[in-house]
C-alpha atoms as a PDB file:
ATOM      1  CA  MET A   1       4.933   9.178   1.476  1.00  0.00           C
ATOM      2  CA  LEU A   2       1.271   9.805   0.630  1.00  0.00           C
ATOM      3  CA  LYS A   3      -0.289   7.831   3.471  1.00  0.00           C
ATOM      4  CA  LEU A   4      -1.760   9.808   6.357  1.00  0.00           C
ATOM      5  CA  SER A   5      -3.697   8.483   9.312  1.00  0.00           C
ATOM      6  CA  LYS A   6      -7.435   9.161   9.385  1.00  0.00           C
ATOM      7  CA  ILE A   7      -7.114  11.878  12.022  1.00  0.00           C
ATOM      8  CA  LYS A   8      -4.324  13.586  10.055  1.00  0.00           C
ATOM      9  CA  GLN A   9      -6.468  13.487   6.922  1.00  0.00           C
ATOM     10  CA  ILE A  10      -9.335  15.178   8.780  1.00  0.00           C
ATOM     11  CA  ILE A  11      -6.983  17.825  10.196  1.00  0.00           C
ATOM     12  CA  LEU A  12      -5.482  18.513   6.755  1.00  0.00           C
ATOM     13  CA  PHE A  13      -8.959  18.754   5.201  1.00  0.00           C
ATOM     14  CA  ILE A  14     -10.027  21.322   7.798  1.00  0.00           C
ATOM     15  CA  ILE A  15      -6.804  23.321   7.329  1.00  0.00           C
ATOM     16  CA  LEU A  16      -7.211  23.408   3.540  1.00  0.00           C
ATOM     17  CA  LEU A  17     -10.874  24.397   3.873  1.00  0.00           C
ATOM     18  CA  VAL A  18     -10.013  27.245   6.282  1.00  0.00           C
ATOM     19  CA  ILE A  19      -7.215  28.448   3.995  1.00  0.00           C
ATOM     20  CA  SER A  20      -9.572  28.358   0.988  1.00  0.00           C
ATOM     21  CA  ILE A  21     -12.113  30.514   2.816  1.00  0.00           C
ATOM     22  CA  ALA A  22      -9.369  32.877   4.008  1.00  0.00           C
ATOM     23  CA  VAL A  23      -8.039  33.262   0.447  1.00  0.00           C
ATOM     24  CA  PHE A  24     -11.573  33.945  -0.789  1.00  0.00           C
ATOM     25  CA  LEU A  25     -12.215  36.628   1.844  1.00  0.00           C
ATOM     26  CA  PHE A  26      -8.815  38.203   1.215  1.00  0.00           C
ATOM     27  CA  ASP A  27      -9.557  38.191  -2.510  1.00  0.00           C
ATOM     28  CA  ILE A  28     -12.958  39.796  -1.986  1.00  0.00           C
ATOM     29  CA  TYR A  29     -12.032  42.574   0.432  1.00  0.00           C
ATOM     30  CA  LEU A  30      -8.298  43.277   0.190  1.00  0.00           C
ATOM     31  CA  THR A  31      -7.095  42.431  -3.309  1.00  0.00           C
ATOM     32  CA  ASN A  32      -6.888  44.974  -6.089  1.00  0.00           C
ATOM     33  CA  ASP A  33      -9.837  44.678  -8.442  1.00  0.00           C
ATOM     34  CA  GLU A  34      -7.537  43.964 -11.359  1.00  0.00           C
ATOM     35  CA  ILE A  35      -5.737  41.131  -9.547  1.00  0.00           C
ATOM     36  CA  ARG A  36      -7.514  37.953  -8.497  1.00  0.00           C
ATOM     37  CA  LEU A  37      -5.703  35.312  -6.483  1.00  0.00           C
ATOM     38  CA  LEU A  38      -5.333  31.986  -8.287  1.00  0.00           C
ATOM     39  CA  LEU A  39      -2.000  30.450  -7.213  1.00  0.00           C
ATOM     40  CA  PRO A  40      -3.118  29.783  -3.590  1.00  0.00           C
ATOM     41  CA  TYR A  41      -6.051  27.752  -4.899  1.00  0.00           C
ATOM     42  CA  ILE A  42      -3.707  25.668  -7.100  1.00  0.00           C
ATOM     43  CA  ILE A  43      -1.492  24.959  -4.084  1.00  0.00           C
ATOM     44  CA  ILE A  44      -4.563  23.905  -2.075  1.00  0.00           C
ATOM     45  CA  ILE A  45      -5.660  21.592  -4.914  1.00  0.00           C
ATOM     46  CA  TYR A  46      -2.172  20.097  -5.000  1.00  0.00           C
ATOM     47  CA  PHE A  47      -2.176  19.198  -1.299  1.00  0.00           C
ATOM     48  CA  SER A  48      -5.769  17.932  -1.403  1.00  0.00           C
ATOM     49  CA  VAL A  49      -5.126  15.628  -4.361  1.00  0.00           C
ATOM     50  CA  TRP A  50      -1.688  14.458  -3.254  1.00  0.00           C
ATOM     51  CA  TYR A  51      -2.520  13.652   0.363  1.00  0.00           C
ATOM     52  CA  LEU A  52      -6.314  13.235   0.466  1.00  0.00           C
ATOM     53  CA  GLY A  53      -7.075  11.649  -2.893  1.00  0.00           C
ATOM     54  CA  SER A  54      -8.680  12.503  -6.211  1.00  0.00           C
ATOM     55  CA  LYS A  55     -12.260  12.860  -4.903  1.00  0.00           C
ATOM     56  CA  THR A  56     -11.214  15.395  -2.270  1.00  0.00           C
ATOM     57  CA  GLY A  57      -9.168  17.112  -4.969  1.00  0.00           C
ATOM     58  CA  ILE A  58     -12.308  17.475  -7.085  1.00  0.00           C
ATOM     59  CA  PHE A  59     -14.092  19.066  -4.116  1.00  0.00           C
ATOM     60  CA  PHE A  60     -11.358  21.669  -3.612  1.00  0.00           C
ATOM     61  CA  SER A  61     -11.101  22.268  -7.375  1.00  0.00           C
ATOM     62  CA  LEU A  62     -14.826  23.043  -7.547  1.00  0.00           C
ATOM     63  CA  LEU A  63     -14.505  25.189  -4.435  1.00  0.00           C
ATOM     64  CA  ALA A  64     -11.638  27.078  -6.049  1.00  0.00           C
ATOM     65  CA  ILE A  65     -13.695  27.647  -9.199  1.00  0.00           C
ATOM     66  CA  LEU A  66     -16.642  28.882  -7.128  1.00  0.00           C
ATOM     67  CA  PHE A  67     -14.603  31.204  -4.882  1.00  0.00           C
ATOM     68  CA  TRP A  68     -12.452  32.619  -7.687  1.00  0.00           C
ATOM     69  CA  SER A  69     -15.477  33.194  -9.955  1.00  0.00           C
ATOM     70  CA  ILE A  70     -17.439  34.976  -7.199  1.00  0.00           C
ATOM     71  CA  ALA A  71     -14.446  37.193  -6.387  1.00  0.00           C
ATOM     72  CA  TYR A  72     -13.859  37.990 -10.050  1.00  0.00           C
ATOM     73  CA  ILE A  73     -17.498  38.691 -10.872  1.00  0.00           C
ATOM     74  CA  ASN A  74     -17.791  40.804  -7.725  1.00  0.00           C
ATOM     75  CA  SER A  75     -14.815  42.911  -8.827  1.00  0.00           C
ATOM     76  CA  ILE A  76     -15.996  43.750 -12.373  1.00  0.00           C
ATOM     77  CA  GLY A  77     -18.788  46.096 -13.164  1.00  0.00           C
ATOM     78  CA  ASP A  78     -19.220  45.132 -16.774  1.00  0.00           C
ATOM     79  CA  HIS A  79     -20.330  41.570 -17.544  1.00  0.00           C
ATOM     80  CA  ASN A  80     -19.341  41.718 -21.212  1.00  0.00           C
ATOM     81  CA  ILE A  81     -18.294  38.811 -23.385  1.00  0.00           C
ATOM     82  CA  ASN A  82     -14.580  39.308 -22.670  1.00  0.00           C
ATOM     83  CA  ASN A  83     -15.083  39.036 -18.910  1.00  0.00           C
ATOM     84  CA  ILE A  84     -17.258  35.959 -19.289  1.00  0.00           C
ATOM     85  CA  PHE A  85     -14.629  34.411 -21.560  1.00  0.00           C
ATOM     86  CA  ASN A  86     -11.964  35.178 -18.954  1.00  0.00           C
ATOM     87  CA  VAL A  87     -13.968  33.303 -16.313  1.00  0.00           C
ATOM     88  CA  ILE A  88     -14.317  30.295 -18.626  1.00  0.00           C
ATOM     89  CA  ILE A  89     -10.571  30.303 -19.336  1.00  0.00           C
ATOM     90  CA  LYS A  90      -9.750  30.329 -15.622  1.00  0.00           C
ATOM     91  CA  ILE A  91     -12.199  27.477 -14.972  1.00  0.00           C
ATOM     92  CA  PHE A  92     -10.467  25.406 -17.650  1.00  0.00           C
ATOM     93  CA  PHE A  93      -7.075  26.360 -16.201  1.00  0.00           C
ATOM     94  CA  ILE A  94      -8.059  25.119 -12.727  1.00  0.00           C
ATOM     95  CA  GLY A  95      -9.459  21.922 -14.242  1.00  0.00           C
ATOM     96  CA  ILE A  96      -6.242  21.312 -16.179  1.00  0.00           C
ATOM     97  CA  GLN A  97      -4.173  21.860 -13.043  1.00  0.00           C
ATOM     98  CA  TYR A  98      -6.290  19.289 -11.209  1.00  0.00           C
ATOM     99  CA  PHE A  99      -5.826  16.818 -14.059  1.00  0.00           C
ATOM    100  CA  ILE A 100      -2.025  17.309 -14.122  1.00  0.00           C
ATOM    101  CA  ILE A 101      -1.678  16.944 -10.343  1.00  0.00           C
ATOM    102  CA  ASN A 102      -3.975  13.906 -10.171  1.00  0.00           C
ATOM    103  CA  ASN A 103      -2.244  12.209 -13.101  1.00  0.00           C
ATOM    104  CA  SER A 104       1.179  12.834 -11.540  1.00  0.00           C
ATOM    105  CA  ARG A 105      -0.044  11.327  -8.272  1.00  0.00           C
ATOM    106  CA  ARG A 106      -1.413   8.272 -10.070  1.00  0.00           C
ATOM    107  CA  ILE A 107       1.873   7.714 -11.919  1.00  0.00           C
ATOM    108  CA  PHE A 108       3.804   8.111  -8.666  1.00  0.00           C
ATOM    109  CA  LEU A 109       1.597   5.566  -6.871  1.00  0.00           C
ATOM    110  CA  ASP A 110       1.802   3.109  -9.785  1.00  0.00           C
ATOM    111  CA  ASN A 111       5.599   3.332  -9.843  1.00  0.00           C
ATOM    112  CA  GLU A 112       5.753   2.994  -6.061  1.00  0.00           C
ATOM    113  CA  LYS A 113       3.576  -0.106  -6.224  1.00  0.00           C
ATOM    114  CA  LEU A 114       5.707  -1.629  -8.984  1.00  0.00           C
ATOM    115  CA  ALA A 115       8.841  -1.013  -6.924  1.00  0.00           C
ATOM    116  CA  GLN A 116       7.309  -2.916  -3.994  1.00  0.00           C
ATOM    117  CA  THR A 117       5.536  -5.730  -5.841  1.00  0.00           C
ATOM    118  CA  ASP A 118       6.721  -9.061  -7.179  1.00  0.00           C
ATOM    119  CA  SER A 119       5.909  -8.893 -10.886  1.00  0.00           C
ATOM    120  CA  LEU A 120       4.827 -12.534 -11.213  1.00  0.00           C
ATOM    121  CA  THR A 121       2.676 -13.090  -8.138  1.00  0.00           C
ATOM    122  CA  GLY A 122       1.508  -9.552  -7.303  1.00  0.00           C
ATOM    123  CA  ILE A 123       2.522  -9.843  -3.648  1.00  0.00           C
ATOM    124  CA  MET A 124       5.216  -7.852  -1.832  1.00  0.00           C
ATOM    125  CA  ASN A 125       8.772  -8.272  -3.033  1.00  0.00           C
ATOM    126  CA  ARG A 126      11.631  -8.874  -0.585  1.00  0.00           C
ATOM    127  CA  ARG A 127      12.411  -5.188  -0.089  1.00  0.00           C
ATOM    128  CA  ALA A 128       8.801  -4.209   0.597  1.00  0.00           C
ATOM    129  CA  PHE A 129       8.345  -7.104   3.019  1.00  0.00           C
ATOM    130  CA  TYR A 130      11.583  -6.226   4.814  1.00  0.00           C
ATOM    131  CA  ASN A 131      10.402  -2.637   5.236  1.00  0.00           C
ATOM    132  CA  MET A 132       7.019  -3.754   6.547  1.00  0.00           C
ATOM    133  CA  LEU A 133       8.628  -6.195   8.966  1.00  0.00           C
ATOM    134  CA  THR A 134      10.938  -3.447  10.236  1.00  0.00           C
ATOM    135  CA  TYR A 135       7.944  -1.163  10.793  1.00  0.00           C
ATOM    136  CA  GLU A 136       5.919  -3.839  12.616  1.00  0.00           C
ATOM    137  CA  ILE A 137       8.850  -4.773  14.858  1.00  0.00           C
ATOM    138  CA  GLU A 138       9.209  -1.148  15.934  1.00  0.00           C
ATOM    139  CA  LYS A 139       5.447  -0.925  16.433  1.00  0.00           C
ATOM    140  CA  ALA A 140       5.459  -4.085  18.547  1.00  0.00           C
ATOM    141  CA  LYS A 141       8.211  -2.589  20.707  1.00  0.00           C
ATOM    142  CA  ARG A 142       6.169   0.572  21.326  1.00  0.00           C
ATOM    143  CA  GLU A 143       2.974  -1.324  22.073  1.00  0.00           C
ATOM    144  CA  ASN A 144       4.683  -4.194  23.926  1.00  0.00           C
ATOM    145  CA  SER A 145       2.829  -6.630  21.664  1.00  0.00           C
ATOM    146  CA  ILE A 146       3.560  -9.965  20.030  1.00  0.00           C
ATOM    147  CA  LEU A 147       4.148 -10.927  16.395  1.00  0.00           C
ATOM    148  CA  SER A 148       4.845 -14.042  14.377  1.00  0.00           C
ATOM    149  CA  LEU A 149       6.962 -14.549  11.273  1.00  0.00           C
ATOM    150  CA  VAL A 150       6.355 -17.517   8.967  1.00  0.00           C
ATOM    151  CA  PHE A 151       8.847 -18.684   6.350  1.00  0.00           C
ATOM    152  CA  ILE A 152       7.626 -21.124   3.678  1.00  0.00           C
ATOM    153  CA  ASP A 153       9.616 -23.051   1.084  1.00  0.00           C
ATOM    154  CA  LEU A 154       7.895 -24.962  -1.716  1.00  0.00           C
ATOM    155  CA  ASP A 155       9.541 -28.381  -1.618  1.00  0.00           C
ATOM    156  CA  ASN A 156      10.554 -29.904  -4.979  1.00  0.00           C
ATOM    157  CA  PHE A 157       9.489 -26.809  -6.894  1.00  0.00           C
ATOM    158  CA  LYS A 158      12.491 -27.090  -9.205  1.00  0.00           C
ATOM    159  CA  ASN A 159      11.212 -30.482 -10.339  1.00  0.00           C
ATOM    160  CA  ILE A 160       7.989 -28.825 -11.525  1.00  0.00           C
ATOM    161  CA  ASN A 161       9.941 -26.476 -13.778  1.00  0.00           C
ATOM    162  CA  ASP A 162      12.097 -29.327 -15.051  1.00  0.00           C
ATOM    163  CA  THR A 163       9.180 -31.694 -15.659  1.00  0.00           C
ATOM    164  CA  PHE A 164       6.315 -29.455 -16.784  1.00  0.00           C
ATOM    165  CA  GLY A 165       8.086 -26.269 -17.851  1.00  0.00           C
ATOM    166  CA  HIS A 166       8.412 -22.793 -16.399  1.00  0.00           C
ATOM    167  CA  LYS A 167       4.869 -21.750 -17.336  1.00  0.00           C
ATOM    168  CA  THR A 168       3.469 -24.467 -15.085  1.00  0.00           C
ATOM    169  CA  GLY A 169       5.895 -23.403 -12.382  1.00  0.00           C
ATOM    170  CA  ASP A 170       4.672 -19.835 -12.716  1.00  0.00           C
ATOM    171  CA  ASP A 171       1.048 -20.999 -12.543  1.00  0.00           C
ATOM    172  CA  LEU A 172       1.811 -22.936  -9.371  1.00  0.00           C
ATOM    173  CA  LEU A 173       3.351 -19.870  -7.724  1.00  0.00           C
ATOM    174  CA  LYS A 174       0.397 -17.697  -8.735  1.00  0.00           C
ATOM    175  CA  ILE A 175      -2.132 -20.191  -7.365  1.00  0.00           C
ATOM    176  CA  PHE A 176      -0.201 -20.562  -4.120  1.00  0.00           C
ATOM    177  CA  CYS A 177       0.021 -16.799  -3.616  1.00  0.00           C
ATOM    178  CA  SER A 178      -3.608 -16.232  -4.537  1.00  0.00           C
ATOM    179  CA  GLU A 179      -4.784 -18.806  -1.992  1.00  0.00           C
ATOM    180  CA  VAL A 180      -2.575 -17.461   0.799  1.00  0.00           C
ATOM    181  CA  LYS A 181      -3.601 -13.860   0.051  1.00  0.00           C
ATOM    182  CA  ASN A 182      -7.223 -14.889   0.565  1.00  0.00           C
ATOM    183  CA  MET A 183      -6.340 -16.327   3.978  1.00  0.00           C
ATOM    184  CA  ILE A 184      -4.423 -13.448   5.544  1.00  0.00           C
ATOM    185  CA  ARG A 185      -5.852 -10.400   7.282  1.00  0.00           C
ATOM    186  CA  THR A 186      -5.515  -6.852   6.001  1.00  0.00           C
ATOM    187  CA  THR A 187      -3.057  -6.206   8.836  1.00  0.00           C
ATOM    188  CA  ASP A 188      -0.799  -9.094   7.768  1.00  0.00           C
ATOM    189  CA  ALA A 189       1.959  -8.973   5.160  1.00  0.00           C
ATOM    190  CA  PHE A 190       2.846 -11.589   2.544  1.00  0.00           C
ATOM    191  CA  GLY A 191       6.014 -11.433   0.491  1.00  0.00           C
ATOM    192  CA  ARG A 192       8.127 -13.400  -1.950  1.00  0.00           C
ATOM    193  CA  MET A 193      11.625 -13.573  -0.554  1.00  0.00           C
ATOM    194  CA  GLY A 194      13.073 -15.121  -3.688  1.00  0.00           C
ATOM    195  CA  GLY A 195      12.430 -18.081  -5.992  1.00  0.00           C
ATOM    196  CA  ASP A 196      10.151 -20.488  -4.151  1.00  0.00           C
ATOM    197  CA  GLU A 197      10.579 -18.949  -0.693  1.00  0.00           C
ATOM    198  CA  PHE A 198       7.846 -16.852   0.909  1.00  0.00           C
ATOM    199  CA  ALA A 199       7.257 -15.068   4.198  1.00  0.00           C
ATOM    200  CA  ILE A 200       4.143 -14.089   6.112  1.00  0.00           C
ATOM    201  CA  LEU A 201       4.083 -11.499   8.885  1.00  0.00           C
ATOM    202  CA  LEU A 202       1.313 -11.879  11.475  1.00  0.00           C
ATOM    203  CA  PRO A 203       1.210  -8.927  13.891  1.00  0.00           C
ATOM    204  CA  LYS A 204      -0.368  -9.638  17.289  1.00  0.00           C
ATOM    205  CA  ASN A 205      -0.555 -13.363  16.574  1.00  0.00           C
ATOM    206  CA  ASN A 206       0.608 -15.660  19.373  1.00  0.00           C
ATOM    207  CA  GLY A 207       2.064 -19.125  18.907  1.00  0.00           C
ATOM    208  CA  SER A 208      -1.188 -21.074  19.065  1.00  0.00           C
ATOM    209  CA  GLU A 209      -2.973 -18.729  16.654  1.00  0.00           C
ATOM    210  CA  THR A 210      -0.084 -18.926  14.205  1.00  0.00           C
ATOM    211  CA  SER A 211       0.029 -22.718  14.510  1.00  0.00           C
ATOM    212  CA  LEU A 212      -3.628 -22.949  13.505  1.00  0.00           C
ATOM    213  CA  PHE A 213      -3.026 -20.535  10.642  1.00  0.00           C
ATOM    214  CA  VAL A 214      -0.104 -22.417   9.067  1.00  0.00           C
ATOM    215  CA  LYS A 215      -1.973 -25.725   9.385  1.00  0.00           C
ATOM    216  CA  ARG A 216      -4.871 -24.119   7.524  1.00  0.00           C
ATOM    217  CA  ILE A 217      -2.417 -23.147   4.788  1.00  0.00           C
ATOM    218  CA  GLN A 218      -1.245 -26.749   4.519  1.00  0.00           C
ATOM    219  CA  ASP A 219      -4.806 -28.057   4.484  1.00  0.00           C
ATOM    220  CA  ARG A 220      -5.783 -25.698   1.689  1.00  0.00           C
ATOM    221  CA  ILE A 221      -2.649 -25.713  -0.483  1.00  0.00           C
ATOM    222  CA  ILE A 222      -1.546 -29.341  -0.492  1.00  0.00           C
ATOM    223  CA  PRO A 223      -4.843 -30.729  -1.926  1.00  0.00           C
ATOM    224  CA  ILE A 224      -4.682 -28.133  -4.728  1.00  0.00           C
ATOM    225  CA  PHE A 225      -1.150 -29.244  -5.596  1.00  0.00           C
ATOM    226  CA  MET A 226      -2.221 -32.900  -5.504  1.00  0.00           C
ATOM    227  CA  ASP A 227      -5.218 -32.247  -7.763  1.00  0.00           C
ATOM    228  CA  ASN A 228      -2.837 -30.768 -10.325  1.00  0.00           C
ATOM    229  CA  HIS A 229      -0.412 -33.685  -9.949  1.00  0.00           C
ATOM    230  CA  TRP A 230       2.263 -31.391  -8.557  1.00  0.00           C
ATOM    231  CA  ASP A 231       4.518 -33.238  -6.124  1.00  0.00           C
ATOM    232  CA  VAL A 232       5.132 -30.120  -4.058  1.00  0.00           C
ATOM    233  CA  THR A 233       4.867 -29.778  -0.288  1.00  0.00           C
ATOM    234  CA  LEU A 234       5.564 -27.031   2.240  1.00  0.00           C
ATOM    235  CA  SER A 235       8.500 -26.683   4.630  1.00  0.00           C
ATOM    236  CA  ILE A 236       7.566 -24.044   7.188  1.00  0.00           C
ATOM    237  CA  GLY A 237       9.499 -22.256   9.916  1.00  0.00           C
ATOM    238  CA  VAL A 238       7.598 -20.150  12.462  1.00  0.00           C
ATOM    239  CA  ILE A 239       9.041 -17.612  14.895  1.00  0.00           C
ATOM    240  CA  THR A 240       6.846 -15.966  17.541  1.00  0.00           C
ATOM    241  CA  THR A 241       8.240 -13.219  19.746  1.00  0.00           C
ATOM    242  CA  ASP A 242       7.093 -10.650  22.277  1.00  0.00           C
ATOM    243  CA  LYS A 243      10.610  -9.297  22.832  1.00  0.00           C
ATOM    244  CA  PRO A 244      12.550  -6.539  21.046  1.00  0.00           C
ATOM    245  CA  VAL A 245      14.350  -8.191  18.120  1.00  0.00           C
ATOM    246  CA  ASP A 246      16.571  -7.201  15.221  1.00  0.00           C
ATOM    247  CA  VAL A 247      14.866  -7.561  11.855  1.00  0.00           C
ATOM    248  CA  ASP A 248      17.792  -9.358  10.212  1.00  0.00           C
ATOM    249  CA  ASP A 249      18.139 -11.731  13.143  1.00  0.00           C
ATOM    250  CA  LEU A 250      14.419 -12.523  13.076  1.00  0.00           C
ATOM    251  CA  ILE A 251      14.545 -13.291   9.348  1.00  0.00           C
ATOM    252  CA  HIS A 252      17.650 -15.426   9.823  1.00  0.00           C
ATOM    253  CA  GLN A 253      16.057 -17.461  12.601  1.00  0.00           C
ATOM    254  CA  ALA A 254      12.850 -18.074  10.641  1.00  0.00           C
ATOM    255  CA  ASP A 255      14.871 -19.016   7.566  1.00  0.00           C
ATOM    256  CA  THR A 256      17.027 -21.390   9.663  1.00  0.00           C
ATOM    257  CA  LEU A 257      13.929 -23.116  11.055  1.00  0.00           C
ATOM    258  CA  MET A 258      12.551 -23.549   7.553  1.00  0.00           C
ATOM    259  CA  TYR A 259      15.761 -25.195   6.336  1.00  0.00           C
ATOM    260  CA  LYS A 260      15.815 -27.364   9.441  1.00  0.00           C
ATOM    261  CA  VAL A 261      12.497 -28.802   8.243  1.00  0.00           C
ATOM    262  CA  LYS A 262      13.902 -29.383   4.742  1.00  0.00           C
ATOM    263  CA  ASN A 263      16.980 -31.145   6.122  1.00  0.00           C
ATOM    264  CA  LYS A 264      14.794 -33.410   8.272  1.00  0.00           C
ATOM    265  CA  GLY A 265      12.698 -34.630   5.342  1.00  0.00           C
ATOM    266  CA  LYS A 266      10.568 -31.633   4.252  1.00  0.00           C
ATOM    267  CA  ASN A 267       6.785 -31.201   4.451  1.00  0.00           C
ATOM    268  CA  ASN A 268       6.600 -30.176   8.106  1.00  0.00           C
ATOM    269  CA  ILE A 269       6.558 -27.230  10.479  1.00  0.00           C
ATOM    270  CA  GLU A 270       9.115 -26.081  13.049  1.00  0.00           C
ATOM    271  CA  TYR A 271       8.168 -23.579  15.791  1.00  0.00           C
ATOM    272  CA  LYS A 272      10.258 -21.366  18.014  1.00  0.00           C
ATOM    273  CA  ASN A 273       9.285 -18.803  20.645  1.00  0.00           C
ATOM    274  CA  LEU A 274      11.693 -15.992  21.458  1.00  0.00           C
END
């Protein structure tokens, strides 16, 4: 909801700046001397904080304080203590409005992140990954590009919980996710699909690139498991496609490949090009 592209952010910044100047000029030349415009500045601060971030919100808050103060001081003839106090009150009011808006935005973003994040590992949960996969499939259709989907199951993970306890199992999952997170690009997506099953989305990755990537995962993860005396391996299913596909069908096919590996003895990789 809050994410805008860079060009849209620039356009919104310019629009808010122009509106701020217009409000200031209107306030200076057309407003009654006893009435100074304040609500338009609050609305501008709201949009700047909500869509452009807290730092931009500070800029427009300071601009609002400057413009409103100039308009107010310009309208009064007597600079007595009451008028000065009124200016100070309005400055505090604008500052409080910024704080309320920024705090509300922060709470919203925190709640949104919690709703999309697996609480144990800190990666995407199933719903967030599904949404990202849906978005990337539609994007690939528009751009006529390729993508790869990797499904990973941690073989014998249940034995870790049974033998060493759930805390060790949790530690294993955290280590696995931390290592994989360090290997993916910022454009990739990594999610926990449930239990010991994970998925990685690799936009614009062809079959050979994805093959190298999953082998790197094996080469990095398996030695870590062995060093900790965890008899856990990886069953991996990989789908690469450059055709329009249904998101549920793509997930099903990757999941089927992964279980094909498990049924054939685990600790291997199955590939399929669509």
